[in-house]
Amino acid sequence: MIKEKFTIFFRRFSEAFPACLLVMVKGDLGVLTWVHWSVALRTGIATAIVMVALSFIETKRWLHNRYTTGALTGLATVGSDYLVHPASFSGEAVLTGIAAAILCVLYSFVVKN
């Protein structure tokens, strides 16, 4: 059970963290600072914690369907991103959530249980 929860944590973190990092700098990796990394790390960790918490509710129905998991990861990322830092431009949290959801679905085709 702990291995499963760690896997959920790591996968959701690996989707939310890069999504936040790239959206925050609007794709320009040349302007990355330690502050950007810090915010993205906090957003990724918060998203992963939310998804692990959701995994205790109903794992079979929600977290074993790639599209449902993508949608939940996207929503968790939107909330986490908005709470970690107010958007510097309008809709940043939503764009980050969409990017995380897309990454989640794409990863599901590559990474098998």
PDB file of N, CA and C in Angstrom:
ATOM      1  N   MET A   1       0.825  -1.197   0.000  1.00  0.00           N
ATOM      2  CA  MET A   1       0.000   0.000   0.000  1.00  0.00           C
ATOM      3  C   MET A   1       0.868   1.260   0.000  1.00  0.00           C
ATOM      4  N   ILE A   2       1.936   1.270   0.778  1.00  0.00           N
ATOM      5  CA  ILE A   2       2.803   2.447   0.811  1.00  0.00           C
ATOM      6  C   ILE A   2       3.486   2.648  -0.537  1.00  0.00           C
ATOM      7  N   LYS A   3       3.865   1.540  -1.176  1.00  0.00           N
ATOM      8  CA  LYS A   3       4.490   1.633  -2.496  1.00  0.00           C
ATOM      9  C   LYS A   3       3.520   2.254  -3.511  1.00  0.00           C
ATOM     10  N   GLU A   4       2.248   1.860  -3.444  1.00  0.00           N
ATOM     11  CA  GLU A   4       1.235   2.406  -4.343  1.00  0.00           C
ATOM     12  C   GLU A   4       1.054   3.909  -4.107  1.00  0.00           C
ATOM     13  N   LYS A   5       1.009   4.323  -2.855  1.00  0.00           N
ATOM     14  CA  LYS A   5       0.831   5.744  -2.532  1.00  0.00           C
ATOM     15  C   LYS A   5       2.054   6.552  -2.970  1.00  0.00           C
ATOM     16  N   PHE A   6       3.251   5.983  -2.800  1.00  0.00           N
ATOM     17  CA  PHE A   6       4.468   6.666  -3.248  1.00  0.00           C
ATOM     18  C   PHE A   6       4.463   6.804  -4.765  1.00  0.00           C
ATOM     19  N   THR A   7       3.995   5.780  -5.461  1.00  0.00           N
ATOM     20  CA  THR A   7       3.913   5.846  -6.919  1.00  0.00           C
ATOM     21  C   THR A   7       2.944   6.935  -7.358  1.00  0.00           C
ATOM     22  N   ILE A   8       1.798   7.006  -6.706  1.00  0.00           N
ATOM     23  CA  ILE A   8       0.829   8.059  -7.021  1.00  0.00           C
ATOM     24  C   ILE A   8       1.449   9.425  -6.763  1.00  0.00           C
ATOM     25  N   PHE A   9       2.102   9.582  -5.616  1.00  0.00           N
ATOM     26  CA  PHE A   9       2.730  10.857  -5.276  1.00  0.00           C
ATOM     27  C   PHE A   9       3.756  11.255  -6.337  1.00  0.00           C
ATOM     28  N   PHE A  10       4.659  10.344  -6.674  1.00  0.00           N
ATOM     29  CA  PHE A  10       5.726  10.660  -7.612  1.00  0.00           C
ATOM     30  C   PHE A  10       5.181  10.979  -9.000  1.00  0.00           C
ATOM     31  N   ARG A  11       4.212  10.213  -9.478  1.00  0.00           N
ATOM     32  CA  ARG A  11       3.659  10.459 -10.816  1.00  0.00           C
ATOM     33  C   ARG A  11       2.933  11.798 -10.882  1.00  0.00           C
ATOM     34  N   ARG A  12       2.109  12.092  -9.901  1.00  0.00           N
ATOM     35  CA  ARG A  12       1.374  13.372  -9.939  1.00  0.00           C
ATOM     36  C   ARG A  12       2.330  14.551  -9.771  1.00  0.00           C
ATOM     37  N   PHE A  13       3.355  14.385  -8.937  1.00  0.00           N
ATOM     38  CA  PHE A  13       4.360  15.433  -8.791  1.00  0.00           C
ATOM     39  C   PHE A  13       5.081  15.662 -10.115  1.00  0.00           C
ATOM     40  N   SER A  14       5.422  14.574 -10.808  1.00  0.00           N
ATOM     41  CA  SER A  14       6.173  14.694 -12.064  1.00  0.00           C
ATOM     42  C   SER A  14       5.323  15.256 -13.192  1.00  0.00           C
ATOM     43  N   GLU A  15       4.043  15.399 -12.988  1.00  0.00           N
ATOM     44  CA  GLU A  15       3.174  16.030 -13.974  1.00  0.00           C
ATOM     45  C   GLU A  15       2.916  17.503 -13.628  1.00  0.00           C
ATOM     46  N   ALA A  16       2.675  17.777 -12.358  1.00  0.00           N
ATOM     47  CA  ALA A  16       2.354  19.146 -11.948  1.00  0.00           C
ATOM     48  C   ALA A  16       3.585  20.048 -11.910  1.00  0.00           C
ATOM     49  N   PHE A  17       4.717  19.522 -11.460  1.00  0.00           N
ATOM     50  CA  PHE A  17       5.930  20.326 -11.344  1.00  0.00           C
ATOM     51  C   PHE A  17       6.388  20.912 -12.683  1.00  0.00           C
ATOM     52  N   PRO A  18       6.600  20.094 -13.732  1.00  0.00           N
ATOM     53  CA  PRO A  18       7.047  20.700 -14.992  1.00  0.00           C
ATOM     54  C   PRO A  18       5.979  21.570 -15.638  1.00  0.00           C
ATOM     55  N   ALA A  19       4.711  21.206 -15.459  1.00  0.00           N
ATOM     56  CA  ALA A  19       3.640  22.035 -16.021  1.00  0.00           C
ATOM     57  C   ALA A  19       3.677  23.429 -15.407  1.00  0.00           C
ATOM     58  N   CYS A  20       3.805  23.496 -14.090  1.00  0.00           N
ATOM     59  CA  CYS A  20       3.860  24.782 -13.402  1.00  0.00           C
ATOM     60  C   CYS A  20       5.092  25.575 -13.817  1.00  0.00           C
ATOM     61  N   LEU A  21       6.219  24.889 -13.865  1.00  0.00           N
ATOM     62  CA  LEU A  21       7.474  25.564 -14.193  1.00  0.00           C
ATOM     63  C   LEU A  21       7.423  26.185 -15.589  1.00  0.00           C
ATOM     64  N   LEU A  22       6.934  25.439 -16.561  1.00  0.00           N
ATOM     65  CA  LEU A  22       6.898  25.935 -17.934  1.00  0.00           C
ATOM     66  C   LEU A  22       5.851  27.025 -18.142  1.00  0.00           C
ATOM     67  N   VAL A  23       4.692  26.861 -17.536  1.00  0.00           N
ATOM     68  CA  VAL A  23       3.644  27.874 -17.699  1.00  0.00           C
ATOM     69  C   VAL A  23       4.031  29.166 -16.991  1.00  0.00           C
ATOM     70  N   MET A  24       4.669  29.043 -15.835  1.00  0.00           N
ATOM     71  CA  MET A  24       5.042  30.217 -15.056  1.00  0.00           C
ATOM     72  C   MET A  24       5.987  31.146 -15.830  1.00  0.00           C
ATOM     73  N   VAL A  25       6.921  30.550 -16.575  1.00  0.00           N
ATOM     74  CA  VAL A  25       7.873  31.369 -17.342  1.00  0.00           C
ATOM     75  C   VAL A  25       7.432  31.525 -18.789  1.00  0.00           C
ATOM     76  N   LYS A  26       6.204  31.086 -19.078  1.00  0.00           N
ATOM     77  CA  LYS A  26       5.616  31.183 -20.418  1.00  0.00           C
ATOM     78  C   LYS A  26       6.494  30.515 -21.472  1.00  0.00           C
ATOM     79  N   GLY A  27       7.135  29.405 -21.082  1.00  0.00           N
ATOM     80  CA  GLY A  27       7.947  28.631 -22.006  1.00  0.00           C
ATOM     81  C   GLY A  27       9.366  29.124 -22.213  1.00  0.00           C
ATOM     82  N   ASP A  28       9.722  30.265 -21.650  1.00  0.00           N
ATOM     83  CA  ASP A  28      11.064  30.829 -21.819  1.00  0.00           C
ATOM     84  C   ASP A  28      11.971  30.326 -20.695  1.00  0.00           C
ATOM     85  N   LEU A  29      12.688  29.241 -20.944  1.00  0.00           N
ATOM     86  CA  LEU A  29      13.528  28.628 -19.913  1.00  0.00           C
ATOM     87  C   LEU A  29      14.720  29.503 -19.531  1.00  0.00           C
ATOM     88  N   GLY A  30      15.020  30.495 -20.318  1.00  0.00           N
ATOM     89  CA  GLY A  30      16.130  31.389 -20.017  1.00  0.00           C
ATOM     90  C   GLY A  30      15.888  32.307 -18.828  1.00  0.00           C
ATOM     91  N   VAL A  31      14.649  32.470 -18.432  1.00  0.00           N
ATOM     92  CA  VAL A  31      14.336  33.378 -17.327  1.00  0.00           C
ATOM     93  C   VAL A  31      14.082  32.636 -16.007  1.00  0.00           C
ATOM     94  N   LEU A  32      14.320  31.336 -15.978  1.00  0.00           N
ATOM     95  CA  LEU A  32      14.099  30.560 -14.758  1.00  0.00           C
ATOM     96  C   LEU A  32      14.994  31.049 -13.622  1.00  0.00           C
ATOM     97  N   THR A  33      14.392  31.163 -12.439  1.00  0.00           N
ATOM     98  CA  THR A  33      15.140  31.526 -11.239  1.00  0.00           C
ATOM     99  C   THR A  33      14.835  30.492 -10.157  1.00  0.00           C
ATOM    100  N   TRP A  34      15.538  30.615  -9.037  1.00  0.00           N
ATOM    101  CA  TRP A  34      15.278  29.715  -7.915  1.00  0.00           C
ATOM    102  C   TRP A  34      13.871  29.922  -7.364  1.00  0.00           C
ATOM    103  N   VAL A  35      13.351  31.121  -7.498  1.00  0.00           N
ATOM    104  CA  VAL A  35      11.983  31.391  -7.040  1.00  0.00           C
ATOM    105  C   VAL A  35      10.989  30.579  -7.877  1.00  0.00           C
ATOM    106  N   HIS A  36      11.207  30.535  -9.197  1.00  0.00           N
ATOM    107  CA  HIS A  36      10.339  29.734 -10.063  1.00  0.00           C
ATOM    108  C   HIS A  36      10.386  28.261  -9.659  1.00  0.00           C
ATOM    109  N   TRP A  37      11.598  27.753  -9.419  1.00  0.00           N
ATOM    110  CA  TRP A  37      11.753  26.355  -9.016  1.00  0.00           C
ATOM    111  C   TRP A  37      11.035  26.094  -7.693  1.00  0.00           C
ATOM    112  N   SER A  38      11.169  27.013  -6.759  1.00  0.00           N
ATOM    113  CA  SER A  38      10.546  26.866  -5.445  1.00  0.00           C
ATOM    114  C   SER A  38       9.022  26.818  -5.552  1.00  0.00           C
ATOM    115  N   VAL A  39       8.461  27.721  -6.333  1.00  0.00           N
ATOM    116  CA  VAL A  39       7.006  27.761  -6.510  1.00  0.00           C
ATOM    117  C   VAL A  39       6.525  26.491  -7.199  1.00  0.00           C
ATOM    118  N   ALA A  40       7.235  26.064  -8.235  1.00  0.00           N
ATOM    119  CA  ALA A  40       6.840  24.854  -8.959  1.00  0.00           C
ATOM    120  C   ALA A  40       6.941  23.618  -8.063  1.00  0.00           C
ATOM    121  N   LEU A  41       7.979  23.559  -7.235  1.00  0.00           N
ATOM    122  CA  LEU A  41       8.114  22.430  -6.305  1.00  0.00           C
ATOM    123  C   LEU A  41       6.948  22.386  -5.316  1.00  0.00           C
ATOM    124  N   ARG A  42       6.606  23.544  -4.762  1.00  0.00           N
ATOM    125  CA  ARG A  42       5.489  23.590  -3.813  1.00  0.00           C
ATOM    126  C   ARG A  42       4.175  23.218  -4.481  1.00  0.00           C
ATOM    127  N   THR A  43       3.975  23.678  -5.709  1.00  0.00           N
ATOM    128  CA  THR A  43       2.758  23.326  -6.448  1.00  0.00           C
ATOM    129  C   THR A  43       2.711  21.833  -6.729  1.00  0.00           C
ATOM    130  N   GLY A  44       3.829  21.265  -7.155  1.00  0.00           N
ATOM    131  CA  GLY A  44       3.886  19.831  -7.429  1.00  0.00           C
ATOM    132  C   GLY A  44       3.634  18.997  -6.196  1.00  0.00           C
ATOM    133  N   ILE A  45       4.235  19.382  -5.085  1.00  0.00           N
ATOM    134  CA  ILE A  45       4.049  18.644  -3.831  1.00  0.00           C
ATOM    135  C   ILE A  45       2.599  18.750  -3.355  1.00  0.00           C
ATOM    136  N   ALA A  46       2.023  19.937  -3.432  1.00  0.00           N
ATOM    137  CA  ALA A  46       0.631  20.115  -2.998  1.00  0.00           C
ATOM    138  C   ALA A  46      -0.315  19.283  -3.858  1.00  0.00           C
ATOM    139  N   THR A  47      -0.093  19.276  -5.162  1.00  0.00           N
ATOM    140  CA  THR A  47      -0.925  18.477  -6.064  1.00  0.00           C
ATOM    141  C   THR A  47      -0.795  16.997  -5.740  1.00  0.00           C
ATOM    142  N   ALA A  48       0.435  16.542  -5.532  1.00  0.00           N
ATOM    143  CA  ALA A  48       0.672  15.127  -5.225  1.00  0.00           C
ATOM    144  C   ALA A  48      -0.002  14.720  -3.916  1.00  0.00           C
ATOM    145  N   ILE A  49       0.047  15.585  -2.922  1.00  0.00           N
ATOM    146  CA  ILE A  49      -0.592  15.288  -1.636  1.00  0.00           C
ATOM    147  C   ILE A  49      -2.108  15.177  -1.806  1.00  0.00           C
ATOM    148  N   VAL A  50      -2.690  16.080  -2.577  1.00  0.00           N
ATOM    149  CA  VAL A  50      -4.138  16.022  -2.829  1.00  0.00           C
ATOM    150  C   VAL A  50      -4.497  14.712  -3.522  1.00  0.00           C
ATOM    151  N   MET A  51      -3.712  14.307  -4.503  1.00  0.00           N
ATOM    152  CA  MET A  51      -4.019  13.083  -5.242  1.00  0.00           C
ATOM    153  C   MET A  51      -3.834  11.832  -4.381  1.00  0.00           C
ATOM    154  N   VAL A  52      -2.848  11.833  -3.505  1.00  0.00           N
ATOM    155  CA  VAL A  52      -2.688  10.699  -2.584  1.00  0.00           C
ATOM    156  C   VAL A  52      -3.884  10.651  -1.630  1.00  0.00           C
ATOM    157  N   ALA A  53      -4.325  11.799  -1.157  1.00  0.00           N
ATOM    158  CA  ALA A  53      -5.499  11.840  -0.283  1.00  0.00           C
ATOM    159  C   ALA A  53      -6.736  11.306  -1.008  1.00  0.00           C
ATOM    160  N   LEU A  54      -6.905  11.673  -2.270  1.00  0.00           N
ATOM    161  CA  LEU A  54      -8.033  11.159  -3.052  1.00  0.00           C
ATOM    162  C   LEU A  54      -7.935   9.654  -3.259  1.00  0.00           C
ATOM    163  N   SER A  55      -6.729   9.127  -3.295  1.00  0.00           N
ATOM    164  CA  SER A  55      -6.558   7.694  -3.528  1.00  0.00           C
ATOM    165  C   SER A  55      -7.078   6.859  -2.357  1.00  0.00           C
ATOM    166  N   PHE A  56      -7.249   7.454  -1.199  1.00  0.00           N
ATOM    167  CA  PHE A  56      -7.809   6.729  -0.063  1.00  0.00           C
ATOM    168  C   PHE A  56      -9.329   6.620  -0.158  1.00  0.00           C
ATOM    169  N   ILE A  57      -9.951   7.439  -0.989  1.00  0.00           N
ATOM    170  CA  ILE A  57     -11.411   7.443  -1.098  1.00  0.00           C
ATOM    171  C   ILE A  57     -11.906   6.306  -1.991  1.00  0.00           C
ATOM    172  N   GLU A  58     -11.459   6.290  -3.237  1.00  0.00           N
ATOM    173  CA  GLU A  58     -11.947   5.293  -4.193  1.00  0.00           C
ATOM    174  C   GLU A  58     -10.910   5.110  -5.292  1.00  0.00           C
ATOM    175  N   THR A  59     -10.011   4.173  -5.093  1.00  0.00           N
ATOM    176  CA  THR A  59      -8.911   4.021  -6.051  1.00  0.00           C
ATOM    177  C   THR A  59      -9.332   3.338  -7.337  1.00  0.00           C
ATOM    178  N   LYS A  60     -10.184   2.375  -7.283  1.00  0.00           N
ATOM    179  CA  LYS A  60     -10.505   1.584  -8.475  1.00  0.00           C
ATOM    180  C   LYS A  60     -11.241   2.400  -9.536  1.00  0.00           C
ATOM    181  N   ARG A  61     -12.187   3.191  -9.111  1.00  0.00           N
ATOM    182  CA  ARG A  61     -13.008   3.905 -10.086  1.00  0.00           C
ATOM    183  C   ARG A  61     -12.306   5.144 -10.634  1.00  0.00           C
ATOM    184  N   TRP A  62     -11.655   5.911  -9.792  1.00  0.00           N
ATOM    185  CA  TRP A  62     -11.086   7.183 -10.216  1.00  0.00           C
ATOM    186  C   TRP A  62      -9.672   7.075 -10.746  1.00  0.00           C
ATOM    187  N   LEU A  63      -8.821   6.417 -10.024  1.00  0.00           N
ATOM    188  CA  LEU A  63      -7.394   6.486 -10.322  1.00  0.00           C
ATOM    189  C   LEU A  63      -6.886   5.397 -11.262  1.00  0.00           C
ATOM    190  N   HIS A  64      -7.765   4.581 -11.806  1.00  0.00           N
ATOM    191  CA  HIS A  64      -7.332   3.582 -12.770  1.00  0.00           C
ATOM    192  C   HIS A  64      -7.897   3.860 -14.158  1.00  0.00           C
ATOM    193  N   ASN A  65      -8.453   5.028 -14.342  1.00  0.00           N
ATOM    194  CA  ASN A  65      -8.898   5.482 -15.653  1.00  0.00           C
ATOM    195  C   ASN A  65      -8.039   6.688 -16.013  1.00  0.00           C
ATOM    196  N   ARG A  66      -7.331   6.603 -17.125  1.00  0.00           N
ATOM    197  CA  ARG A  66      -6.356   7.657 -17.459  1.00  0.00           C
ATOM    198  C   ARG A  66      -6.992   9.031 -17.629  1.00  0.00           C
ATOM    199  N   TYR A  67      -8.196   9.082 -18.151  1.00  0.00           N
ATOM    200  CA  TYR A  67      -8.820  10.383 -18.392  1.00  0.00           C
ATOM    201  C   TYR A  67      -9.386  10.991 -17.109  1.00  0.00           C
ATOM    202  N   THR A  68      -9.951  10.171 -16.258  1.00  0.00           N
ATOM    203  CA  THR A  68     -10.427  10.656 -14.963  1.00  0.00           C
ATOM    204  C   THR A  68      -9.245  11.122 -14.110  1.00  0.00           C
ATOM    205  N   THR A  69      -8.178  10.330 -14.119  1.00  0.00           N
ATOM    206  CA  THR A  69      -6.984  10.717 -13.372  1.00  0.00           C
ATOM    207  C   THR A  69      -6.409  12.017 -13.920  1.00  0.00           C
ATOM    208  N   GLY A  70      -6.404  12.169 -15.238  1.00  0.00           N
ATOM    209  CA  GLY A  70      -5.919  13.412 -15.847  1.00  0.00           C
ATOM    210  C   GLY A  70      -6.753  14.608 -15.422  1.00  0.00           C
ATOM    211  N   ALA A  71      -8.073  14.431 -15.426  1.00  0.00           N
ATOM    212  CA  ALA A  71      -8.960  15.530 -15.029  1.00  0.00           C
ATOM    213  C   ALA A  71      -8.766  15.889 -13.550  1.00  0.00           C
ATOM    214  N   LEU A  72      -8.679  14.866 -12.698  1.00  0.00           N
ATOM    215  CA  LEU A  72      -8.475  15.129 -11.272  1.00  0.00           C
ATOM    216  C   LEU A  72      -7.113  15.769 -11.004  1.00  0.00           C
ATOM    217  N   THR A  73      -6.090  15.306 -11.714  1.00  0.00           N
ATOM    218  CA  THR A  73      -4.763  15.910 -11.566  1.00  0.00           C
ATOM    219  C   THR A  73      -4.787  17.359 -12.022  1.00  0.00           C
ATOM    220  N   GLY A  74      -5.464  17.627 -13.121  1.00  0.00           N
ATOM    221  CA  GLY A  74      -5.588  19.000 -13.604  1.00  0.00           C
ATOM    222  C   GLY A  74      -6.284  19.900 -12.600  1.00  0.00           C
ATOM    223  N   LEU A  75      -7.391  19.417 -12.045  1.00  0.00           N
ATOM    224  CA  LEU A  75      -8.126  20.214 -11.051  1.00  0.00           C
ATOM    225  C   LEU A  75      -7.303  20.436  -9.789  1.00  0.00           C
ATOM    226  N   ALA A  76      -6.619  19.382  -9.343  1.00  0.00           N
ATOM    227  CA  ALA A  76      -5.769  19.526  -8.153  1.00  0.00           C
ATOM    228  C   ALA A  76      -4.634  20.501  -8.418  1.00  0.00           C
ATOM    229  N   THR A  77      -4.103  20.493  -9.628  1.00  0.00           N
ATOM    230  CA  THR A  77      -3.021  21.415  -9.977  1.00  0.00           C
ATOM    231  C   THR A  77      -3.516  22.852 -10.037  1.00  0.00           C
ATOM    232  N   VAL A  78      -4.707  23.052 -10.574  1.00  0.00           N
ATOM    233  CA  VAL A  78      -5.278  24.404 -10.610  1.00  0.00           C
ATOM    234  C   VAL A  78      -5.395  24.954  -9.192  1.00  0.00           C
ATOM    235  N   GLY A  79      -5.982  24.167  -8.300  1.00  0.00           N
ATOM    236  CA  GLY A  79      -6.144  24.617  -6.917  1.00  0.00           C
ATOM    237  C   GLY A  79      -4.818  24.839  -6.220  1.00  0.00           C
ATOM    238  N   SER A  80      -3.889  23.915  -6.399  1.00  0.00           N
ATOM    239  CA  SER A  80      -2.582  24.034  -5.750  1.00  0.00           C
ATOM    240  C   SER A  80      -1.819  25.245  -6.271  1.00  0.00           C
ATOM    241  N   ASP A  81      -1.836  25.430  -7.586  1.00  0.00           N
ATOM    242  CA  ASP A  81      -1.110  26.551  -8.176  1.00  0.00           C
ATOM    243  C   ASP A  81      -1.689  27.879  -7.705  1.00  0.00           C
ATOM    244  N   TYR A  82      -3.001  27.948  -7.638  1.00  0.00           N
ATOM    245  CA  TYR A  82      -3.629  29.191  -7.201  1.00  0.00           C
ATOM    246  C   TYR A  82      -3.325  29.483  -5.735  1.00  0.00           C
ATOM    247  N   LEU A  83      -3.292  28.441  -4.901  1.00  0.00           N
ATOM    248  CA  LEU A  83      -3.005  28.650  -3.485  1.00  0.00           C
ATOM    249  C   LEU A  83      -1.536  28.948  -3.218  1.00  0.00           C
ATOM    250  N   VAL A  84      -0.637  28.335  -3.972  1.00  0.00           N
ATOM    251  CA  VAL A  84       0.797  28.532  -3.743  1.00  0.00           C
ATOM    252  C   VAL A  84       1.215  29.946  -4.124  1.00  0.00           C
ATOM    253  N   HIS A  85       0.706  30.432  -5.242  1.00  0.00           N
ATOM    254  CA  HIS A  85       1.025  31.809  -5.624  1.00  0.00           C
ATOM    255  C   HIS A  85      -0.081  32.362  -6.502  1.00  0.00           C
ATOM    256  N   PRO A  86      -0.549  33.537  -6.176  1.00  0.00           N
ATOM    257  CA  PRO A  86      -1.548  34.174  -7.039  1.00  0.00           C
ATOM    258  C   PRO A  86      -0.947  34.411  -8.425  1.00  0.00           C
ATOM    259  N   ALA A  87      -1.745  34.204  -9.429  1.00  0.00           N
ATOM    260  CA  ALA A  87      -1.267  34.278 -10.812  1.00  0.00           C
ATOM    261  C   ALA A  87      -0.715  35.648 -11.144  1.00  0.00           C
ATOM    262  N   SER A  88       0.433  35.634 -11.796  1.00  0.00           N
ATOM    263  CA  SER A  88       1.005  36.899 -12.252  1.00  0.00           C
ATOM    264  C   SER A  88       0.350  37.333 -13.553  1.00  0.00           C
ATOM    265  N   PHE A  89      -0.255  36.406 -14.282  1.00  0.00           N
ATOM    266  CA  PHE A  89      -1.070  36.777 -15.426  1.00  0.00           C
ATOM    267  C   PHE A  89      -2.366  35.982 -15.360  1.00  0.00           C
ATOM    268  N   SER A  90      -3.399  36.512 -15.925  1.00  0.00           N
ATOM    269  CA  SER A  90      -4.733  35.946 -15.801  1.00  0.00           C
ATOM    270  C   SER A  90      -4.802  34.528 -16.375  1.00  0.00           C
ATOM    271  N   GLY A  91      -5.319  33.620 -15.601  1.00  0.00           N
ATOM    272  CA  GLY A  91      -5.529  32.256 -16.063  1.00  0.00           C
ATOM    273  C   GLY A  91      -4.329  31.334 -15.963  1.00  0.00           C
ATOM    274  N   GLU A  92      -3.272  31.763 -15.289  1.00  0.00           N
ATOM    275  CA  GLU A  92      -2.071  30.924 -15.199  1.00  0.00           C
ATOM    276  C   GLU A  92      -2.369  29.595 -14.516  1.00  0.00           C
ATOM    277  N   ALA A  93      -3.133  29.613 -13.446  1.00  0.00           N
ATOM    278  CA  ALA A  93      -3.443  28.375 -12.727  1.00  0.00           C
ATOM    279  C   ALA A  93      -4.228  27.418 -13.616  1.00  0.00           C
ATOM    280  N   VAL A  94      -5.144  27.940 -14.397  1.00  0.00           N
ATOM    281  CA  VAL A  94      -5.933  27.098 -15.298  1.00  0.00           C
ATOM    282  C   VAL A  94      -5.053  26.499 -16.389  1.00  0.00           C
ATOM    283  N   LEU A  95      -4.172  27.311 -16.974  1.00  0.00           N
ATOM    284  CA  LEU A  95      -3.250  26.796 -17.989  1.00  0.00           C
ATOM    285  C   LEU A  95      -2.323  25.736 -17.408  1.00  0.00           C
ATOM    286  N   THR A  96      -1.873  25.940 -16.177  1.00  0.00           N
ATOM    287  CA  THR A  96      -1.020  24.954 -15.514  1.00  0.00           C
ATOM    288  C   THR A  96      -1.780  23.658 -15.310  1.00  0.00           C
ATOM    289  N   GLY A  97      -3.031  23.744 -14.892  1.00  0.00           N
ATOM    290  CA  GLY A  97      -3.854  22.551 -14.703  1.00  0.00           C
ATOM    291  C   GLY A  97      -4.094  21.798 -15.999  1.00  0.00           C
ATOM    292  N   ILE A  98      -4.330  22.529 -17.072  1.00  0.00           N
ATOM    293  CA  ILE A  98      -4.532  21.895 -18.380  1.00  0.00           C
ATOM    294  C   ILE A  98      -3.257  21.185 -18.813  1.00  0.00           C
ATOM    295  N   ALA A  99      -2.118  21.851 -18.633  1.00  0.00           N
ATOM    296  CA  ALA A  99      -0.838  21.234 -18.996  1.00  0.00           C
ATOM    297  C   ALA A  99      -0.577  19.983 -18.165  1.00  0.00           C
ATOM    298  N   ALA A 100      -0.880  20.030 -16.874  1.00  0.00           N
ATOM    299  CA  ALA A 100      -0.677  18.860 -16.009  1.00  0.00           C
ATOM    300  C   ALA A 100      -1.608  17.712 -16.410  1.00  0.00           C
ATOM    301  N   ALA A 101      -2.844  18.033 -16.760  1.00  0.00           N
ATOM    302  CA  ALA A 101      -3.794  16.999 -17.190  1.00  0.00           C
ATOM    303  C   ALA A 101      -3.315  16.335 -18.480  1.00  0.00           C
ATOM    304  N   ILE A 102      -2.832  17.132 -19.412  1.00  0.00           N
ATOM    305  CA  ILE A 102      -2.313  16.578 -20.669  1.00  0.00           C
ATOM    306  C   ILE A 102      -1.105  15.695 -20.404  1.00  0.00           C
ATOM    307  N   LEU A 103      -0.191  16.168 -19.556  1.00  0.00           N
ATOM    308  CA  LEU A 103       0.971  15.341 -19.202  1.00  0.00           C
ATOM    309  C   LEU A 103       0.543  14.034 -18.545  1.00  0.00           C
ATOM    310  N   CYS A 104      -0.454  14.091 -17.692  1.00  0.00           N
ATOM    311  CA  CYS A 104      -0.941  12.899 -17.001  1.00  0.00           C
ATOM    312  C   CYS A 104      -1.453  11.864 -18.005  1.00  0.00           C
ATOM    313  N   VAL A 105      -2.251  12.304 -18.955  1.00  0.00           N
ATOM    314  CA  VAL A 105      -2.782  11.380 -19.947  1.00  0.00           C
ATOM    315  C   VAL A 105      -1.667  10.842 -20.842  1.00  0.00           C
ATOM    316  N   LEU A 106      -0.749  11.706 -21.263  1.00  0.00           N
ATOM    317  CA  LEU A 106       0.371  11.253 -22.095  1.00  0.00           C
ATOM    318  C   LEU A 106       1.241  10.266 -21.356  1.00  0.00           C
ATOM    319  N   TYR A 107       1.553  10.541 -20.084  1.00  0.00           N
ATOM    320  CA  TYR A 107       2.354   9.610 -19.289  1.00  0.00           C
ATOM    321  C   TYR A 107       1.665   8.258 -19.170  1.00  0.00           C
ATOM    322  N   SER A 108       0.341   8.262 -19.094  1.00  0.00           N
ATOM    323  CA  SER A 108      -0.380   7.001 -18.910  1.00  0.00           C
ATOM    324  C   SER A 108      -0.217   6.069 -20.112  1.00  0.00           C
ATOM    325  N   PHE A 109       0.052   6.627 -21.287  1.00  0.00           N
ATOM    326  CA  PHE A 109       0.287   5.792 -22.461  1.00  0.00           C
ATOM    327  C   PHE A 109       1.700   5.241 -22.465  1.00  0.00           C
ATOM    328  N   VAL A 110       2.624   5.942 -21.819  1.00  0.00           N
ATOM    329  CA  VAL A 110       4.024   5.527 -21.806  1.00  0.00           C
ATOM    330  C   VAL A 110       4.340   4.638 -20.607  1.00  0.00           C
ATOM    331  N   VAL A 111       3.902   5.054 -19.430  1.00  0.00           N
ATOM    332  CA  VAL A 111       4.226   4.349 -18.186  1.00  0.00           C
ATOM    333  C   VAL A 111       3.096   3.381 -17.859  1.00  0.00           C
ATOM    334  N   LYS A 112       3.418   2.131 -17.763  1.00  0.00           N
ATOM    335  CA  LYS A 112       2.423   1.121 -17.385  1.00  0.00           C
ATOM    336  C   LYS A 112       2.633   0.744 -15.932  1.00  0.00           C
ATOM    337  N   ASN A 113       1.584   0.228 -15.295  1.00  0.00           N
ATOM    338  CA  ASN A 113       1.687  -0.187 -13.888  1.00  0.00           C
ATOM    339  C   ASN A 113       2.707  -1.247 -13.816  1.00  0.00           C
TER     340      ASN A 113
END
